[in-house]
Protein backbone atom coordinates (compact mmCIF):
# COMPACT_ATOMS: atom_id res chain seq x y z
CA MET A 1 -21.37 5.42 -23.23
CA GLY A 2 -24.82 6.75 -24.13
CA LYS A 3 -25.83 10.33 -24.67
CA ASN A 4 -27.98 10.15 -21.53
CA MET A 5 -24.71 10.28 -19.57
CA GLU A 6 -23.68 13.62 -21.08
CA THR A 7 -23.84 16.68 -18.84
CA ILE A 8 -24.21 20.40 -19.47
CA TYR A 9 -22.81 22.61 -16.73
CA ILE A 10 -24.38 26.07 -16.54
CA VAL A 11 -22.63 28.84 -14.62
CA ASP A 12 -24.50 32.14 -14.37
CA ASP A 13 -25.27 34.45 -11.44
CA ASP A 14 -28.68 35.38 -12.90
CA PRO A 15 -31.30 32.89 -11.61
CA LEU A 16 -33.63 33.64 -14.53
CA VAL A 17 -30.93 32.72 -17.03
CA ARG A 18 -29.95 29.60 -15.12
CA GLU A 19 -33.48 28.30 -14.79
CA GLY A 20 -34.45 29.25 -18.34
CA LEU A 21 -31.52 27.41 -19.87
CA SER A 22 -31.96 24.48 -17.51
CA SER A 23 -35.63 24.07 -18.42
CA LEU A 24 -34.90 24.30 -22.14
CA LEU A 25 -32.14 21.71 -22.03
CA ARG A 26 -33.93 19.31 -19.71
CA VAL A 27 -37.05 19.37 -21.87
CA ASN A 28 -34.73 18.31 -24.70
CA GLY A 29 -33.43 15.35 -22.71
CA LYS A 30 -30.21 16.83 -21.33
CA ASN A 31 -28.66 16.30 -17.92
CA VAL A 32 -27.98 19.75 -16.43
CA LEU A 33 -26.08 20.97 -13.37
CA LEU A 34 -26.33 24.59 -12.22
CA PHE A 35 -23.80 26.87 -10.51
CA THR A 36 -24.04 30.49 -9.43
CA CYS A 37 -20.35 31.33 -9.70
CA GLY A 38 -17.11 30.11 -11.25
CA ALA A 39 -15.56 29.14 -7.92
CA ASP A 40 -18.42 26.76 -7.10
CA PHE A 41 -18.11 25.10 -10.49
CA LEU A 42 -14.34 24.71 -10.17
CA ARG A 43 -14.74 23.10 -6.73
CA PHE A 44 -17.25 20.59 -8.07
CA GLU A 45 -15.85 17.11 -8.72
CA ARG A 46 -16.99 16.35 -12.25
CA ASP A 47 -17.79 12.85 -13.46
CA ASP A 48 -15.63 11.41 -16.20
CA THR A 49 -18.34 11.68 -18.84
CA PRO A 50 -18.83 13.76 -22.01
CA ALA A 51 -19.87 17.30 -21.09
CA CYS A 52 -19.77 20.95 -22.00
CA LEU A 53 -19.84 24.20 -20.08
CA VAL A 54 -22.20 27.14 -20.62
CA VAL A 55 -20.81 30.12 -18.71
CA ASP A 56 -21.49 33.85 -18.47
CA LEU A 57 -18.55 35.99 -19.55
CA GLN A 58 -19.20 38.61 -16.87
CA LEU A 59 -19.45 36.59 -13.68
CA PRO A 60 -18.67 38.25 -10.34
CA GLY A 61 -15.39 37.09 -8.84
CA LEU A 62 -13.88 34.64 -11.30
CA ASN A 63 -15.26 35.71 -14.67
CA GLY A 64 -15.88 33.47 -17.64
CA LEU A 65 -12.43 34.00 -19.10
CA ASP A 66 -10.84 33.01 -15.77
CA VAL A 67 -12.85 29.79 -15.78
CA GLN A 68 -11.90 29.16 -19.39
CA ARG A 69 -8.19 29.37 -18.59
CA LEU A 70 -8.60 26.67 -15.96
CA VAL A 71 -10.84 24.16 -17.75
CA ALA A 72 -10.54 24.80 -21.50
CA ALA A 73 -8.25 21.79 -21.90
CA THR A 74 -10.94 19.45 -20.58
CA LEU A 75 -14.26 20.94 -21.65
CA PRO A 76 -15.70 22.74 -24.69
CA ILE A 77 -17.08 26.09 -23.54
CA ILE A 78 -20.08 28.09 -24.71
CA PHE A 79 -20.07 31.67 -23.47
CA LEU A 80 -23.05 33.88 -22.76
CA SER A 81 -22.25 37.47 -23.62
CA GLY A 82 -24.04 40.72 -22.83
CA ARG A 83 -24.47 43.47 -25.38
CA GLY A 84 -21.35 45.53 -26.06
CA ASP A 85 -19.00 42.93 -24.55
CA ILE A 86 -16.93 42.78 -27.74
CA ALA A 87 -13.44 42.69 -26.19
CA SER A 88 -14.20 39.73 -23.92
CA THR A 89 -15.96 37.91 -26.76
CA VAL A 90 -12.89 38.23 -28.97
CA LYS A 91 -10.63 36.95 -26.15
CA ALA A 92 -12.94 33.99 -25.56
CA MET A 93 -12.96 32.98 -29.23
CA LYS A 94 -9.18 33.36 -29.55
CA ALA A 95 -8.78 31.11 -26.51
CA GLY A 96 -10.80 28.37 -28.21
CA ALA A 97 -14.42 28.91 -27.15
CA SER A 98 -16.84 26.53 -28.84
CA ASP A 99 -19.36 29.36 -29.28
CA VAL A 100 -20.41 32.75 -27.91
CA LEU A 101 -24.14 33.46 -27.60
CA SER A 102 -25.55 36.92 -27.04
CA LYS A 103 -28.14 37.50 -24.32
CA PRO A 104 -31.06 37.12 -24.49
CA VAL A 105 -30.19 33.79 -26.06
CA ASP A 106 -32.13 32.22 -28.90
CA GLU A 107 -33.38 28.76 -27.92
CA ALA A 108 -32.56 27.16 -31.25
CA ARG A 109 -29.03 28.57 -31.15
CA VAL A 110 -28.50 27.28 -27.62
CA LEU A 111 -29.56 23.76 -28.55
CA SER A 112 -27.42 23.80 -31.69
CA ALA A 113 -24.38 25.14 -29.81
CA VAL A 114 -24.73 22.53 -27.08
CA GLU A 115 -24.98 19.68 -29.59
CA ARG A 116 -21.83 20.91 -31.36
CA ALA A 117 -19.94 21.25 -28.07
CA LEU A 118 -20.95 17.78 -26.89
CA TYR A 119 -19.91 16.33 -30.25
CA GLN A 120 -16.52 18.06 -29.91
CA ASN A 121 -16.09 16.56 -26.45
CA ARG A 122 -17.05 13.06 -27.60
CA ILE A 123 -14.48 13.27 -30.39
CA SER A 124 -11.70 14.67 -28.18
CA ARG A 125 -12.34 12.02 -25.52
CA SER A 126 -12.26 9.26 -28.14
CA ASP A 127 -9.01 10.65 -29.55
CA ALA A 128 -7.50 10.78 -26.06
CA VAL A 129 -8.36 7.12 -25.44
CA ARG A 130 -6.81 6.08 -28.76
CA HIS A 131 -3.68 8.13 -28.07
CA ALA A 132 -3.28 6.61 -24.60
CA ASP A 133 -3.53 3.13 -26.11
CA VAL A 134 -0.89 3.89 -28.75
CA LEU A 135 1.34 5.50 -26.14
CA GLU A 136 1.13 2.39 -23.98
CA ARG A 137 2.23 0.28 -26.96
CA TYR A 138 5.08 2.68 -27.70
CA ARG A 139 6.34 2.47 -24.13
CA SER A 140 6.48 -1.33 -24.44
CA LEU A 141 9.28 -0.91 -27.01
CA THR A 142 12.89 -1.21 -25.93
CA PRO A 143 15.03 1.96 -26.11
CA ARG A 144 16.63 0.74 -29.33
CA GLU A 145 13.24 -0.09 -30.86
CA GLN A 146 12.17 3.44 -29.99
CA ASP A 147 15.23 4.67 -31.89
CA VAL A 148 14.32 2.60 -34.94
CA LEU A 149 10.62 3.50 -35.03
CA PRO A 150 10.84 7.15 -36.23
CA LEU A 151 13.39 6.15 -38.86
CA LEU A 152 11.10 3.42 -40.15
CA ALA A 153 8.21 5.87 -40.23
CA LYS A 154 10.27 8.23 -42.37
CA GLY A 155 10.54 5.45 -44.95
CA LYS A 156 14.25 4.81 -44.54
CA LEU A 157 15.58 1.48 -45.80
CA ASN A 158 16.91 -1.06 -43.30
CA LYS A 159 20.43 -0.55 -44.66
CA LYS A 160 20.26 3.21 -44.07
CA ILE A 161 18.81 2.79 -40.57
CA ALA A 162 21.59 0.34 -39.73
CA ALA A 163 24.20 2.86 -40.88
CA ASP A 164 22.57 5.71 -38.97
CA LEU A 165 22.41 3.76 -35.72
CA GLY A 166 25.65 1.80 -36.07
CA ILE A 167 23.99 -1.61 -35.98
CA THR A 168 23.65 -4.45 -38.49
CA GLU A 169 20.93 -4.65 -41.10
CA TYR A 170 19.81 -7.96 -39.62
CA THR A 171 19.37 -6.29 -36.23
CA VAL A 172 17.20 -3.63 -37.85
CA GLN A 173 15.06 -6.37 -39.40
CA VAL A 174 14.60 -7.97 -35.97
CA HIS A 175 13.69 -4.61 -34.42
CA ARG A 176 11.27 -3.92 -37.24
CA GLY A 177 9.42 -7.18 -36.63
CA ASN A 178 9.28 -6.54 -32.88
CA ILE A 179 7.99 -3.02 -33.44
CA MET A 180 5.19 -4.17 -35.74
CA ARG A 181 4.16 -6.82 -33.21
CA LYS A 182 4.33 -4.64 -30.09
CA MET A 183 2.61 -1.69 -31.76
CA LYS A 184 -0.07 -4.10 -33.06
CA ALA A 185 0.26 -2.59 -36.53
CA ASP A 186 -1.43 -4.67 -39.22
CA SER A 187 0.32 -2.69 -41.95
CA PHE A 188 3.22 -0.30 -42.41
CA ALA A 189 0.73 2.50 -43.14
CA ALA A 190 -0.94 1.86 -39.77
CA LEU A 191 2.45 2.05 -38.07
CA VAL A 192 3.17 5.40 -39.71
CA ARG A 193 -0.19 6.78 -38.57
CA MET A 194 0.50 5.71 -35.00
CA THR A 195 3.96 7.24 -35.11
CA GLU A 196 2.47 10.56 -36.22
CA THR A 197 0.43 10.71 -33.00
CA LEU A 198 3.57 10.07 -30.92
CA LYS A 199 5.87 12.72 -32.37
CA PRO A 200 6.26 14.76 -29.15
CA GLU A 201 7.28 11.63 -27.25
CA SER A 202 9.17 9.66 -29.88
CA ALA A 203 11.17 12.69 -30.98
CA GLN A 204 13.05 12.41 -27.70
CA THR A 205 14.59 9.14 -28.90
CA ASN A 206 16.01 10.38 -32.18
CA PHE A 207 19.33 11.25 -30.66
CA ARG A 208 19.59 8.36 -28.20
CA GLU A 209 22.45 6.91 -30.26
CA ALA A 210 24.54 9.97 -29.49
CA THR A 211 24.35 9.12 -25.81
CA GLY A 212 25.78 5.64 -26.36
CA ALA A 213 22.65 3.47 -26.14
CA SER A 214 23.44 -0.22 -26.60
CA ASN A 215 22.11 -2.53 -29.30
């Protein structure tokens, strides 16, 4: 996916700010979409492409912080802040804003902030794709293999895993081979790294034995 597919969304009720930022970014090869209020932006059906949001903190109706609460999980956000708006700026940064720029904005700072935000989004999207792939592999494991996986990742010996789960050491060896194959791990270190990304999900299986799962 090329950078020409990346989009910067600008939300500001001041037409001079909107057009000024739009011209600056378009001259620098960016794809820009403009909105006059938070509600219009939230109703817009965004493409599944790398993007960032530039939004005024003090919008009428839904303000910038309201928009942030609704989209921060999917987009890096650059806020535009008026003078003296310290309290809102602090809230925005604590909630994970990519940057806060004071009006009138400096062109070089805008371009730098946008590049950082787009880079953040490219990385987070790439991480999400990798995690989804690993999660799909994990879900291909049988319930018992899911029990064995976190124990393997902790470095426990087959004999100890067998004792913990009440199965034979040979059965653990079979599960271990199946896990390596299904998880497409070319080394034990790779398997451990994948398991680290699955902790919230795989942790649910740690106590499956207590519920009477079969071999």
